[in-house]
């Protein structure tokens, strides 16, 4: 059954019965959406957490919508290449973008974007919460956050990031300011390499995404001192939150969400949102997400749009307060 058509027909009938005007019924192109394959554009490499989560969602949304949802990887420039492609596509709901927290950061860290995150995009809905895991090299002999901070105050602490201007860098800088310590950033290509650098003791710390770091924590190669989300993660239930450790309000979530162009019709956005919510409510989705350290997160299009705007302001303030500059 085509879920989208069935839902739309039901809503149309109900509205007519109430004597309401129904835009979608007057426009066959909207009433029949989707009539052809949808493209989900990702700004990350195959096998990455966004790619994995995106493909889980795309496969199941295709089943709900009755049309293929084709994943297209357009990695590079912190996701801005992919975002530019979607911003320049037709606002018809056939080009979706899987955005992550970095898309709320780049408006502050880059001045060469060919799109405006706030003006050019609107949310379909959140997909998942993906916490950051504060991992350190075992040779530091700092089994908890208090001992790490004491060691860091002695100096010579370097931390890795998967790219300058990433959420990992900004979260680490926010922590440094709160803890009263100074550390030196060392950029690597991707979270996997940034994680390996901590294991090899090239650097001492990485505020890592759970997917690349958790297997090494479980194997004993790294020590996890904290997690960045307000609540503990089911993927790492023994790791305390920053809030538990006394850093009130210090949270960071490498959230993943679906977006479309801001001028996409409301009716199409609602069809896509309804399909996404159905996918996120599937028990198998939560189980598959947990394998990469993610937790399904459901909200509405308006809530996601507002959340994204709030994140832009939040990370702009972090950059300004930390005095960070980006070339």
C-alpha atoms as a PDB file:
ATOM      1  CA  UNK A   1       0.000   0.000   0.000  1.00  0.00           C
ATOM      2  CA  UNK A   2       1.212   3.504  -0.780  1.00  0.00           C
ATOM      3  CA  UNK A   3       1.210   5.006   2.706  1.00  0.00           C
ATOM      4  CA  UNK A   4       1.608   8.612   1.519  1.00  0.00           C
ATOM      5  CA  UNK A   5      -1.349   8.456  -0.909  1.00  0.00           C
ATOM      6  CA  UNK A   6      -3.499   6.660   1.637  1.00  0.00           C
ATOM      7  CA  UNK A   7      -2.709   9.228   4.314  1.00  0.00           C
ATOM      8  CA  UNK A   8      -3.299  12.136   1.973  1.00  0.00           C
ATOM      9  CA  UNK A   9      -6.627  10.761   0.802  1.00  0.00           C
ATOM     10  CA  UNK A  10      -7.743  10.307   4.391  1.00  0.00           C
ATOM     11  CA  UNK A  11      -6.772  13.831   5.379  1.00  0.00           C
ATOM     12  CA  UNK A  12      -8.444  15.251   2.281  1.00  0.00           C
ATOM     13  CA  UNK A  13     -11.729  13.467   2.982  1.00  0.00           C
ATOM     14  CA  UNK A  14     -11.742  14.620   6.587  1.00  0.00           C
ATOM     15  CA  UNK A  15     -11.068  18.213   5.613  1.00  0.00           C
ATOM     16  CA  UNK A  16     -13.827  18.204   2.991  1.00  0.00           C
ATOM     17  CA  UNK A  17     -16.254  16.813   5.545  1.00  0.00           C
ATOM     18  CA  UNK A  18     -15.435  19.771   7.766  1.00  0.00           C
ATOM     19  CA  UNK A  19     -15.908  22.253   4.938  1.00  0.00           C
ATOM     20  CA  UNK A  20     -12.205  23.200   4.839  1.00  0.00           C
ATOM     21  CA  UNK A  21     -10.274  24.209   1.752  1.00  0.00           C
ATOM     22  CA  UNK A  22      -7.816  21.525   0.687  1.00  0.00           C
ATOM     23  CA  UNK A  23      -4.829  22.749  -1.280  1.00  0.00           C
ATOM     24  CA  UNK A  24      -3.435  19.310  -1.858  1.00  0.00           C
ATOM     25  CA  UNK A  25      -6.692  18.047  -3.373  1.00  0.00           C
ATOM     26  CA  UNK A  26      -6.699  20.942  -5.817  1.00  0.00           C
ATOM     27  CA  UNK A  27      -3.178  20.100  -6.931  1.00  0.00           C
ATOM     28  CA  UNK A  28      -2.860  16.562  -8.307  1.00  0.00           C
ATOM     29  CA  UNK A  29       0.935  16.841  -8.322  1.00  0.00           C
ATOM     30  CA  UNK A  30       0.889  17.198  -4.541  1.00  0.00           C
ATOM     31  CA  UNK A  31      -1.869  14.638  -3.987  1.00  0.00           C
ATOM     32  CA  UNK A  32       0.140  11.953  -5.787  1.00  0.00           C
ATOM     33  CA  UNK A  33       3.487  12.699  -4.122  1.00  0.00           C
ATOM     34  CA  UNK A  34       5.763  10.850  -4.467  1.00  0.00           C
ATOM     35  CA  UNK A  35       5.384   9.635  -8.043  1.00  0.00           C
ATOM     36  CA  UNK A  36       9.054   8.884  -8.713  1.00  0.00           C
ATOM     37  CA  UNK A  37      12.263   8.066  -6.810  1.00  0.00           C
ATOM     38  CA  UNK A  38      13.493  10.447  -4.116  1.00  0.00           C
ATOM     39  CA  UNK A  39      17.188  11.278  -3.683  1.00  0.00           C
ATOM     40  CA  UNK A  40      18.693  11.496  -0.202  1.00  0.00           C
ATOM     41  CA  UNK A  41      21.967  13.429  -0.409  1.00  0.00           C
ATOM     42  CA  UNK A  42      24.647  12.835   2.246  1.00  0.00           C
ATOM     43  CA  UNK A  43      27.721  14.950   2.865  1.00  0.00           C
ATOM     44  CA  UNK A  44      29.754  12.014   4.141  1.00  0.00           C
ATOM     45  CA  UNK A  45      31.626   8.967   2.935  1.00  0.00           C
ATOM     46  CA  UNK A  46      30.161   5.470   2.512  1.00  0.00           C
ATOM     47  CA  UNK A  47      30.407   3.534   5.762  1.00  0.00           C
ATOM     48  CA  UNK A  48      30.341   6.613   7.996  1.00  0.00           C
ATOM     49  CA  UNK A  49      27.716   7.034  10.727  1.00  0.00           C
ATOM     50  CA  UNK A  50      25.599   9.456   8.638  1.00  0.00           C
ATOM     51  CA  UNK A  51      25.813   7.079   5.701  1.00  0.00           C
ATOM     52  CA  UNK A  52      24.802   4.093   7.824  1.00  0.00           C
ATOM     53  CA  UNK A  53      21.902   5.906   9.480  1.00  0.00           C
ATOM     54  CA  UNK A  54      20.828   7.474   6.199  1.00  0.00           C
ATOM     55  CA  UNK A  55      20.638   4.119   4.453  1.00  0.00           C
ATOM     56  CA  UNK A  56      18.681   2.556   7.311  1.00  0.00           C
ATOM     57  CA  UNK A  57      16.131   5.364   7.057  1.00  0.00           C
ATOM     58  CA  UNK A  58      16.101   5.513   3.246  1.00  0.00           C
ATOM     59  CA  UNK A  59      15.330   1.822   2.843  1.00  0.00           C
ATOM     60  CA  UNK A  60      12.402   1.967   5.238  1.00  0.00           C
ATOM     61  CA  UNK A  61      11.033   5.284   4.007  1.00  0.00           C
ATOM     62  CA  UNK A  62      10.970   3.770   0.527  1.00  0.00           C
ATOM     63  CA  UNK A  63       8.759   0.977   1.820  1.00  0.00           C
ATOM     64  CA  UNK A  64       6.430   3.469   3.502  1.00  0.00           C
ATOM     65  CA  UNK A  65       6.249   5.892   0.558  1.00  0.00           C
ATOM     66  CA  UNK A  66       6.033   3.299  -2.201  1.00  0.00           C
ATOM     67  CA  UNK A  67       8.958   4.830  -4.126  1.00  0.00           C
ATOM     68  CA  UNK A  68      12.720   4.242  -3.973  1.00  0.00           C
ATOM     69  CA  UNK A  69      14.782   6.589  -1.798  1.00  0.00           C
ATOM     70  CA  UNK A  70      18.216   6.628  -3.425  1.00  0.00           C
ATOM     71  CA  UNK A  71      21.230   7.584  -1.303  1.00  0.00           C
ATOM     72  CA  UNK A  72      23.817   9.815  -2.981  1.00  0.00           C
ATOM     73  CA  UNK A  73      27.142  10.512  -1.242  1.00  0.00           C
ATOM     74  CA  UNK A  74      28.531  13.987  -1.970  1.00  0.00           C
ATOM     75  CA  UNK A  75      31.217  14.243   0.677  1.00  0.00           C
ATOM     76  CA  UNK A  76      33.575  17.157   1.166  1.00  0.00           C
ATOM     77  CA  UNK A  77      33.873  20.613   2.731  1.00  0.00           C
ATOM     78  CA  UNK A  78      32.125  19.635   5.987  1.00  0.00           C
ATOM     79  CA  UNK A  79      28.953  18.694   4.113  1.00  0.00           C
ATOM     80  CA  UNK A  80      28.611  21.981   2.247  1.00  0.00           C
ATOM     81  CA  UNK A  81      28.990  20.393  -1.210  1.00  0.00           C
ATOM     82  CA  UNK A  82      25.956  18.206  -0.552  1.00  0.00           C
ATOM     83  CA  UNK A  83      24.009  21.077   1.000  1.00  0.00           C
ATOM     84  CA  UNK A  84      24.699  23.294  -2.015  1.00  0.00           C
ATOM     85  CA  UNK A  85      23.350  20.611  -4.339  1.00  0.00           C
ATOM     86  CA  UNK A  86      20.077  20.339  -2.411  1.00  0.00           C
ATOM     87  CA  UNK A  87      19.754  24.113  -2.020  1.00  0.00           C
ATOM     88  CA  UNK A  88      19.928  24.432  -5.809  1.00  0.00           C
ATOM     89  CA  UNK A  89      17.511  21.558  -6.529  1.00  0.00           C
ATOM     90  CA  UNK A  90      13.823  22.024  -7.266  1.00  0.00           C
ATOM     91  CA  UNK A  91      11.705  22.528  -4.120  1.00  0.00           C
ATOM     92  CA  UNK A  92       9.505  19.546  -4.909  1.00  0.00           C
ATOM     93  CA  UNK A  93      10.439  17.104  -2.146  1.00  0.00           C
ATOM     94  CA  UNK A  94      12.440  14.812  -4.426  1.00  0.00           C
ATOM     95  CA  UNK A  95      15.824  16.053  -3.131  1.00  0.00           C
ATOM     96  CA  UNK A  96      16.379  15.523   0.595  1.00  0.00           C
ATOM     97  CA  UNK A  97      19.453  16.295   2.662  1.00  0.00           C
ATOM     98  CA  UNK A  98      20.704  14.403   5.678  1.00  0.00           C
ATOM     99  CA  UNK A  99      22.256  17.130   7.794  1.00  0.00           C
ATOM    100  CA  UNK A 100      24.267  16.782  10.982  1.00  0.00           C
ATOM    101  CA  UNK A 101      25.351  19.202  13.684  1.00  0.00           C
ATOM    102  CA  UNK A 102      28.190  20.507  11.521  1.00  0.00           C
ATOM    103  CA  UNK A 103      25.660  22.205   9.234  1.00  0.00           C
ATOM    104  CA  UNK A 104      24.677  24.459  12.135  1.00  0.00           C
ATOM    105  CA  UNK A 105      28.351  25.261  12.734  1.00  0.00           C
ATOM    106  CA  UNK A 106      29.577  26.093   9.225  1.00  0.00           C
ATOM    107  CA  UNK A 107      27.520  29.330   9.025  1.00  0.00           C
ATOM    108  CA  UNK A 108      29.942  30.639  11.686  1.00  0.00           C
ATOM    109  CA  UNK A 109      33.167  28.959  10.626  1.00  0.00           C
ATOM    110  CA  UNK A 110      32.966  29.534   6.854  1.00  0.00           C
ATOM    111  CA  UNK A 111      32.262  32.613   4.762  1.00  0.00           C
ATOM    112  CA  UNK A 112      32.246  30.933   1.361  1.00  0.00           C
ATOM    113  CA  UNK A 113      29.000  28.946   1.577  1.00  0.00           C
ATOM    114  CA  UNK A 114      26.751  29.052  -1.483  1.00  0.00           C
ATOM    115  CA  UNK A 115      23.634  28.665   0.643  1.00  0.00           C
ATOM    116  CA  UNK A 116      22.136  30.054   3.840  1.00  0.00           C
ATOM    117  CA  UNK A 117      21.312  27.281   6.306  1.00  0.00           C
ATOM    118  CA  UNK A 118      18.661  29.363   8.080  1.00  0.00           C
ATOM    119  CA  UNK A 119      17.002  30.863   5.004  1.00  0.00           C
ATOM    120  CA  UNK A 120      17.345  28.075   2.434  1.00  0.00           C
ATOM    121  CA  UNK A 121      16.367  24.963   4.398  1.00  0.00           C
ATOM    122  CA  UNK A 122      13.530  23.677   6.546  1.00  0.00           C
ATOM    123  CA  UNK A 123      13.413  20.539   8.636  1.00  0.00           C
ATOM    124  CA  UNK A 124      11.489  17.381   7.875  1.00  0.00           C
ATOM    125  CA  UNK A 125      12.428  15.933  11.218  1.00  0.00           C
ATOM    126  CA  UNK A 126      15.190  14.642  13.421  1.00  0.00           C
ATOM    127  CA  UNK A 127      16.545  11.162  12.764  1.00  0.00           C
ATOM    128  CA  UNK A 128      18.863  10.390  15.640  1.00  0.00           C
ATOM    129  CA  UNK A 129      20.882  11.526  18.594  1.00  0.00           C
ATOM    130  CA  UNK A 130      24.562  10.577  18.201  1.00  0.00           C
ATOM    131  CA  UNK A 131      26.530  11.446  21.372  1.00  0.00           C
ATOM    132  CA  UNK A 132      30.206  12.308  21.588  1.00  0.00           C
ATOM    133  CA  UNK A 133      32.447  10.131  23.743  1.00  0.00           C
ATOM    134  CA  UNK A 134      35.324  11.781  25.646  1.00  0.00           C
ATOM    135  CA  UNK A 135      38.142   9.241  25.190  1.00  0.00           C
ATOM    136  CA  UNK A 136      41.760   9.464  26.341  1.00  0.00           C
ATOM    137  CA  UNK A 137      44.958   7.539  25.826  1.00  0.00           C
ATOM    138  CA  UNK A 138      45.527   4.890  28.492  1.00  0.00           C
ATOM    139  CA  UNK A 139      49.110   6.034  29.127  1.00  0.00           C
ATOM    140  CA  UNK A 140      47.767   9.184  30.781  1.00  0.00           C
ATOM    141  CA  UNK A 141      46.649   7.047  33.721  1.00  0.00           C
ATOM    142  CA  UNK A 142      43.575   9.210  34.225  1.00  0.00           C
ATOM    143  CA  UNK A 143      40.700   6.843  35.011  1.00  0.00           C
ATOM    144  CA  UNK A 144      38.202   9.674  35.625  1.00  0.00           C
ATOM    145  CA  UNK A 145      37.550  13.248  34.577  1.00  0.00           C
ATOM    146  CA  UNK A 146      38.891  14.818  37.742  1.00  0.00           C
ATOM    147  CA  UNK A 147      42.295  13.173  37.315  1.00  0.00           C
ATOM    148  CA  UNK A 148      42.346  14.112  33.627  1.00  0.00           C
ATOM    149  CA  UNK A 149      41.730  17.790  34.401  1.00  0.00           C
ATOM    150  CA  UNK A 150      44.527  17.772  36.974  1.00  0.00           C
ATOM    151  CA  UNK A 151      46.864  16.208  34.426  1.00  0.00           C
ATOM    152  CA  UNK A 152      45.798  18.672  31.718  1.00  0.00           C
ATOM    153  CA  UNK A 153      46.623  21.619  33.957  1.00  0.00           C
ATOM    154  CA  UNK A 154      50.252  20.484  33.785  1.00  0.00           C
ATOM    155  CA  UNK A 155      50.196  21.150  30.022  1.00  0.00           C
ATOM    156  CA  UNK A 156      51.240  19.249  26.889  1.00  0.00           C
ATOM    157  CA  UNK A 157      47.792  17.870  26.078  1.00  0.00           C
ATOM    158  CA  UNK A 158      46.889  17.546  22.407  1.00  0.00           C
ATOM    159  CA  UNK A 159      43.487  16.578  21.087  1.00  0.00           C
ATOM    160  CA  UNK A 160      42.413  15.274  17.700  1.00  0.00           C
ATOM    161  CA  UNK A 161      39.466  16.372  15.573  1.00  0.00           C
ATOM    162  CA  UNK A 162      38.078  15.015  12.282  1.00  0.00           C
ATOM    163  CA  UNK A 163      38.308  18.477  10.738  1.00  0.00           C
ATOM    164  CA  UNK A 164      38.722  22.093  11.749  1.00  0.00           C
ATOM    165  CA  UNK A 165      35.394  23.643  12.705  1.00  0.00           C
ATOM    166  CA  UNK A 166      33.799  20.289  13.556  1.00  0.00           C
ATOM    167  CA  UNK A 167      31.437  19.770  16.466  1.00  0.00           C
ATOM    168  CA  UNK A 168      34.189  17.695  18.075  1.00  0.00           C
ATOM    169  CA  UNK A 169      36.503  20.717  18.097  1.00  0.00           C
ATOM    170  CA  UNK A 170      33.878  23.133  19.391  1.00  0.00           C
ATOM    171  CA  UNK A 171      32.724  20.748  22.115  1.00  0.00           C
ATOM    172  CA  UNK A 172      36.324  20.243  23.251  1.00  0.00           C
ATOM    173  CA  UNK A 173      36.968  23.984  23.319  1.00  0.00           C
ATOM    174  CA  UNK A 174      33.792  24.551  25.323  1.00  0.00           C
ATOM    175  CA  UNK A 175      34.934  21.905  27.813  1.00  0.00           C
ATOM    176  CA  UNK A 176      38.432  23.424  28.032  1.00  0.00           C
ATOM    177  CA  UNK A 177      37.019  26.820  28.912  1.00  0.00           C
ATOM    178  CA  UNK A 178      34.739  25.359  31.593  1.00  0.00           C
ATOM    179  CA  UNK A 179      37.537  23.200  33.064  1.00  0.00           C
ATOM    180  CA  UNK A 180      40.094  26.026  33.053  1.00  0.00           C
ATOM    181  CA  UNK A 181      42.634  24.171  30.912  1.00  0.00           C
ATOM    182  CA  UNK A 182      44.369  24.737  27.593  1.00  0.00           C
ATOM    183  CA  UNK A 183      44.898  22.072  24.950  1.00  0.00           C
ATOM    184  CA  UNK A 184      46.203  22.069  21.381  1.00  0.00           C
ATOM    185  CA  UNK A 185      44.080  20.906  18.467  1.00  0.00           C
ATOM    186  CA  UNK A 186      45.461  18.518  15.817  1.00  0.00           C
ATOM    187  CA  UNK A 187      43.202  17.920  12.788  1.00  0.00           C
ATOM    188  CA  UNK A 188      42.940  14.546  11.063  1.00  0.00           C
ATOM    189  CA  UNK A 189      40.991  13.294   8.075  1.00  0.00           C
ATOM    190  CA  UNK A 190      37.870  11.707   9.520  1.00  0.00           C
ATOM    191  CA  UNK A 191      36.822  10.284  12.861  1.00  0.00           C
ATOM    192  CA  UNK A 192      38.542   6.956  12.282  1.00  0.00           C
ATOM    193  CA  UNK A 193      41.963   8.546  11.895  1.00  0.00           C
ATOM    194  CA  UNK A 194      41.335  10.911  14.804  1.00  0.00           C
ATOM    195  CA  UNK A 195      40.530   7.902  16.990  1.00  0.00           C
ATOM    196  CA  UNK A 196      43.603   5.972  15.875  1.00  0.00           C
ATOM    197  CA  UNK A 197      45.742   8.983  16.770  1.00  0.00           C
ATOM    198  CA  UNK A 198      44.666   8.710  20.423  1.00  0.00           C
ATOM    199  CA  UNK A 199      45.394   4.988  20.514  1.00  0.00           C
ATOM    200  CA  UNK A 200      48.865   5.619  19.037  1.00  0.00           C
ATOM    201  CA  UNK A 201      49.454   8.437  21.575  1.00  0.00           C
ATOM    202  CA  UNK A 202      50.006  10.984  18.817  1.00  0.00           C
ATOM    203  CA  UNK A 203      47.428  12.966  20.796  1.00  0.00           C
ATOM    204  CA  UNK A 204      45.980  12.338  24.228  1.00  0.00           C
ATOM    205  CA  UNK A 205      42.288  13.065  23.745  1.00  0.00           C
ATOM    206  CA  UNK A 206      39.425  12.908  21.268  1.00  0.00           C
ATOM    207  CA  UNK A 207      35.848  13.993  21.919  1.00  0.00           C
ATOM    208  CA  UNK A 208      34.783  11.323  19.468  1.00  0.00           C
ATOM    209  CA  UNK A 209      31.588  10.277  17.846  1.00  0.00           C
ATOM    210  CA  UNK A 210      30.499   6.998  19.389  1.00  0.00           C
ATOM    211  CA  UNK A 211      30.773   4.918  16.166  1.00  0.00           C
ATOM    212  CA  UNK A 212      34.577   5.107  15.684  1.00  0.00           C
ATOM    213  CA  UNK A 213      35.474   5.153  19.387  1.00  0.00           C
ATOM    214  CA  UNK A 214      33.209   2.726  21.213  1.00  0.00           C
ATOM    215  CA  UNK A 215      34.752  -0.513  19.875  1.00  0.00           C
ATOM    216  CA  UNK A 216      38.163   0.621  21.172  1.00  0.00           C
ATOM    217  CA  UNK A 217      36.689   1.497  24.552  1.00  0.00           C
ATOM    218  CA  UNK A 218      35.123  -1.954  24.794  1.00  0.00           C
ATOM    219  CA  UNK A 219      38.425  -3.593  23.809  1.00  0.00           C
ATOM    220  CA  UNK A 220      40.327  -1.625  26.458  1.00  0.00           C
ATOM    221  CA  UNK A 221      42.453   0.330  23.959  1.00  0.00           C
ATOM    222  CA  UNK A 222      40.935   3.653  25.080  1.00  0.00           C
ATOM    223  CA  UNK A 223      39.427   5.008  28.288  1.00  0.00           C
ATOM    224  CA  UNK A 224      36.047   6.764  28.099  1.00  0.00           C
ATOM    225  CA  UNK A 225      35.619   9.472  30.743  1.00  0.00           C
ATOM    226  CA  UNK A 226      32.318  11.094  29.772  1.00  0.00           C
ATOM    227  CA  UNK A 227      29.531  11.310  27.243  1.00  0.00           C
ATOM    228  CA  UNK A 228      28.192  14.548  25.815  1.00  0.00           C
ATOM    229  CA  UNK A 229      24.423  14.086  25.864  1.00  0.00           C
ATOM    230  CA  UNK A 230      22.148  15.066  28.798  1.00  0.00           C
ATOM    231  CA  UNK A 231      21.424  11.410  29.538  1.00  0.00           C
ATOM    232  CA  UNK A 232      23.606   8.311  29.394  1.00  0.00           C
ATOM    233  CA  UNK A 233      23.624   6.401  26.133  1.00  0.00           C
ATOM    234  CA  UNK A 234      22.209   2.870  25.862  1.00  0.00           C
ATOM    235  CA  UNK A 235      25.313   2.103  23.793  1.00  0.00           C
ATOM    236  CA  UNK A 236      27.623   3.055  26.683  1.00  0.00           C
ATOM    237  CA  UNK A 237      25.514   2.914  29.854  1.00  0.00           C
ATOM    238  CA  UNK A 238      28.505   2.908  32.235  1.00  0.00           C
ATOM    239  CA  UNK A 239      29.916   6.210  30.955  1.00  0.00           C
ATOM    240  CA  UNK A 240      28.754   9.270  32.950  1.00  0.00           C
ATOM    241  CA  UNK A 241      27.449  12.439  31.343  1.00  0.00           C
ATOM    242  CA  UNK A 242      29.290  15.741  31.544  1.00  0.00           C
ATOM    243  CA  UNK A 243      26.374  17.032  33.609  1.00  0.00           C
ATOM    244  CA  UNK A 244      26.819  14.218  36.132  1.00  0.00           C
ATOM    245  CA  UNK A 245      30.471  15.228  36.438  1.00  0.00           C
ATOM    246  CA  UNK A 246      29.557  18.776  37.394  1.00  0.00           C
ATOM    247  CA  UNK A 247      29.631  20.510  34.013  1.00  0.00           C
ATOM    248  CA  UNK A 248      26.056  21.761  34.011  1.00  0.00           C
ATOM    249  CA  UNK A 249      24.731  22.594  30.570  1.00  0.00           C
ATOM    250  CA  UNK A 250      27.780  21.193  28.791  1.00  0.00           C
ATOM    251  CA  UNK A 251      26.140  19.027  26.174  1.00  0.00           C
ATOM    252  CA  UNK A 252      26.822  18.324  22.527  1.00  0.00           C
ATOM    253  CA  UNK A 253      24.903  16.079  20.176  1.00  0.00           C
ATOM    254  CA  UNK A 254      26.050  15.233  16.684  1.00  0.00           C
ATOM    255  CA  UNK A 255      22.398  15.088  15.671  1.00  0.00           C
ATOM    256  CA  UNK A 256      21.263  13.765  12.304  1.00  0.00           C
ATOM    257  CA  UNK A 257      18.149  15.158  10.633  1.00  0.00           C
ATOM    258  CA  UNK A 258      16.360  15.356   7.286  1.00  0.00           C
ATOM    259  CA  UNK A 259      15.987  18.706   5.529  1.00  0.00           C
ATOM    260  CA  UNK A 260      14.545  20.065   2.273  1.00  0.00           C
ATOM    261  CA  UNK A 261      14.553  23.446   0.613  1.00  0.00           C
ATOM    262  CA  UNK A 262      12.674  26.031   2.647  1.00  0.00           C
ATOM    263  CA  UNK A 263      10.153  26.700  -0.152  1.00  0.00           C
ATOM    264  CA  UNK A 264       9.046  23.067  -0.403  1.00  0.00           C
ATOM    265  CA  UNK A 265       5.225  22.916  -0.054  1.00  0.00           C
ATOM    266  CA  UNK A 266       3.923  22.204   3.446  1.00  0.00           C
ATOM    267  CA  UNK A 267       1.880  19.251   2.198  1.00  0.00           C
ATOM    268  CA  UNK A 268       4.957  17.508   0.810  1.00  0.00           C
ATOM    269  CA  UNK A 269       6.966  18.197   3.947  1.00  0.00           C
ATOM    270  CA  UNK A 270       4.190  16.654   6.031  1.00  0.00           C
ATOM    271  CA  UNK A 271       4.081  13.490   3.889  1.00  0.00           C
ATOM    272  CA  UNK A 272       7.835  13.071   4.318  1.00  0.00           C
ATOM    273  CA  UNK A 273       7.638  13.799   8.050  1.00  0.00           C
ATOM    274  CA  UNK A 274       4.849  11.266   8.569  1.00  0.00           C
ATOM    275  CA  UNK A 275       6.853   8.611   6.729  1.00  0.00           C
ATOM    276  CA  UNK A 276       9.981   9.390   8.768  1.00  0.00           C
ATOM    277  CA  UNK A 277       8.089   9.161  12.058  1.00  0.00           C
ATOM    278  CA  UNK A 278       6.687   5.774  11.040  1.00  0.00           C
ATOM    279  CA  UNK A 279      10.219   4.554  10.288  1.00  0.00           C
ATOM    280  CA  UNK A 280      11.626   5.835  13.586  1.00  0.00           C
ATOM    281  CA  UNK A 281       8.855   4.086  15.499  1.00  0.00           C
ATOM    282  CA  UNK A 282       9.820   0.705  14.051  1.00  0.00           C
ATOM    283  CA  UNK A 283      11.539  -1.468  16.710  1.00  0.00           C
ATOM    284  CA  UNK A 284      14.061  -2.671  14.142  1.00  0.00           C
ATOM    285  CA  UNK A 285      15.153   0.917  13.493  1.00  0.00           C
ATOM    286  CA  UNK A 286      16.098   1.464  17.137  1.00  0.00           C
ATOM    287  CA  UNK A 287      17.997  -1.828  17.160  1.00  0.00           C
ATOM    288  CA  UNK A 288      19.950  -0.954  14.019  1.00  0.00           C
ATOM    289  CA  UNK A 289      20.681   2.559  15.287  1.00  0.00           C
ATOM    290  CA  UNK A 290      22.058   1.181  18.540  1.00  0.00           C
ATOM    291  CA  UNK A 291      24.709  -0.714  16.575  1.00  0.00           C
ATOM    292  CA  UNK A 292      26.287   2.649  15.670  1.00  0.00           C
ATOM    293  CA  UNK A 293      25.612   4.281  19.033  1.00  0.00           C
ATOM    294  CA  UNK A 294      22.582   6.272  17.885  1.00  0.00           C
ATOM    295  CA  UNK A 295      19.119   6.688  19.405  1.00  0.00           C
ATOM    296  CA  UNK A 296      15.998   7.548  17.367  1.00  0.00           C
ATOM    297  CA  UNK A 297      14.824  11.112  17.962  1.00  0.00           C
ATOM    298  CA  UNK A 298      11.370  12.172  16.784  1.00  0.00           C
ATOM    299  CA  UNK A 299      10.138  15.734  16.314  1.00  0.00           C
ATOM    300  CA  UNK A 300       8.020  17.762  13.892  1.00  0.00           C
ATOM    301  CA  UNK A 301       9.160  19.797  10.867  1.00  0.00           C
ATOM    302  CA  UNK A 302       8.635  23.083  12.725  1.00  0.00           C
ATOM    303  CA  UNK A 303      10.446  21.798  15.797  1.00  0.00           C
ATOM    304  CA  UNK A 304      13.404  20.634  13.726  1.00  0.00           C
ATOM    305  CA  UNK A 305      13.617  23.917  11.838  1.00  0.00           C
ATOM    306  CA  UNK A 306      13.586  25.892  15.092  1.00  0.00           C
ATOM    307  CA  UNK A 307      16.121  23.531  16.678  1.00  0.00           C
ATOM    308  CA  UNK A 308      18.531  23.996  13.769  1.00  0.00           C
ATOM    309  CA  UNK A 309      18.300  27.780  14.108  1.00  0.00           C
ATOM    310  CA  UNK A 310      18.969  27.524  17.845  1.00  0.00           C
ATOM    311  CA  UNK A 311      22.032  25.373  17.184  1.00  0.00           C
ATOM    312  CA  UNK A 312      23.440  28.022  14.829  1.00  0.00           C
ATOM    313  CA  UNK A 313      23.232  30.601  17.615  1.00  0.00           C
ATOM    314  CA  UNK A 314      24.559  28.199  20.217  1.00  0.00           C
ATOM    315  CA  UNK A 315      27.721  27.308  18.272  1.00  0.00           C
ATOM    316  CA  UNK A 316      28.260  30.901  17.139  1.00  0.00           C
ATOM    317  CA  UNK A 317      28.407  31.889  20.805  1.00  0.00           C
ATOM    318  CA  UNK A 318      30.855  29.064  21.575  1.00  0.00           C
ATOM    319  CA  UNK A 319      33.171  30.206  18.771  1.00  0.00           C
ATOM    320  CA  UNK A 320      33.038  33.826  19.884  1.00  0.00           C
ATOM    321  CA  UNK A 321      33.532  33.095  23.581  1.00  0.00           C
ATOM    322  CA  UNK A 322      36.467  30.783  22.866  1.00  0.00           C
ATOM    323  CA  UNK A 323      38.031  33.346  20.537  1.00  0.00           C
ATOM    324  CA  UNK A 324      38.371  30.767  17.751  1.00  0.00           C
ATOM    325  CA  UNK A 325      39.268  31.814  14.229  1.00  0.00           C
ATOM    326  CA  UNK A 326      39.047  29.731  11.073  1.00  0.00           C
ATOM    327  CA  UNK A 327      41.056  30.267   7.893  1.00  0.00           C
END
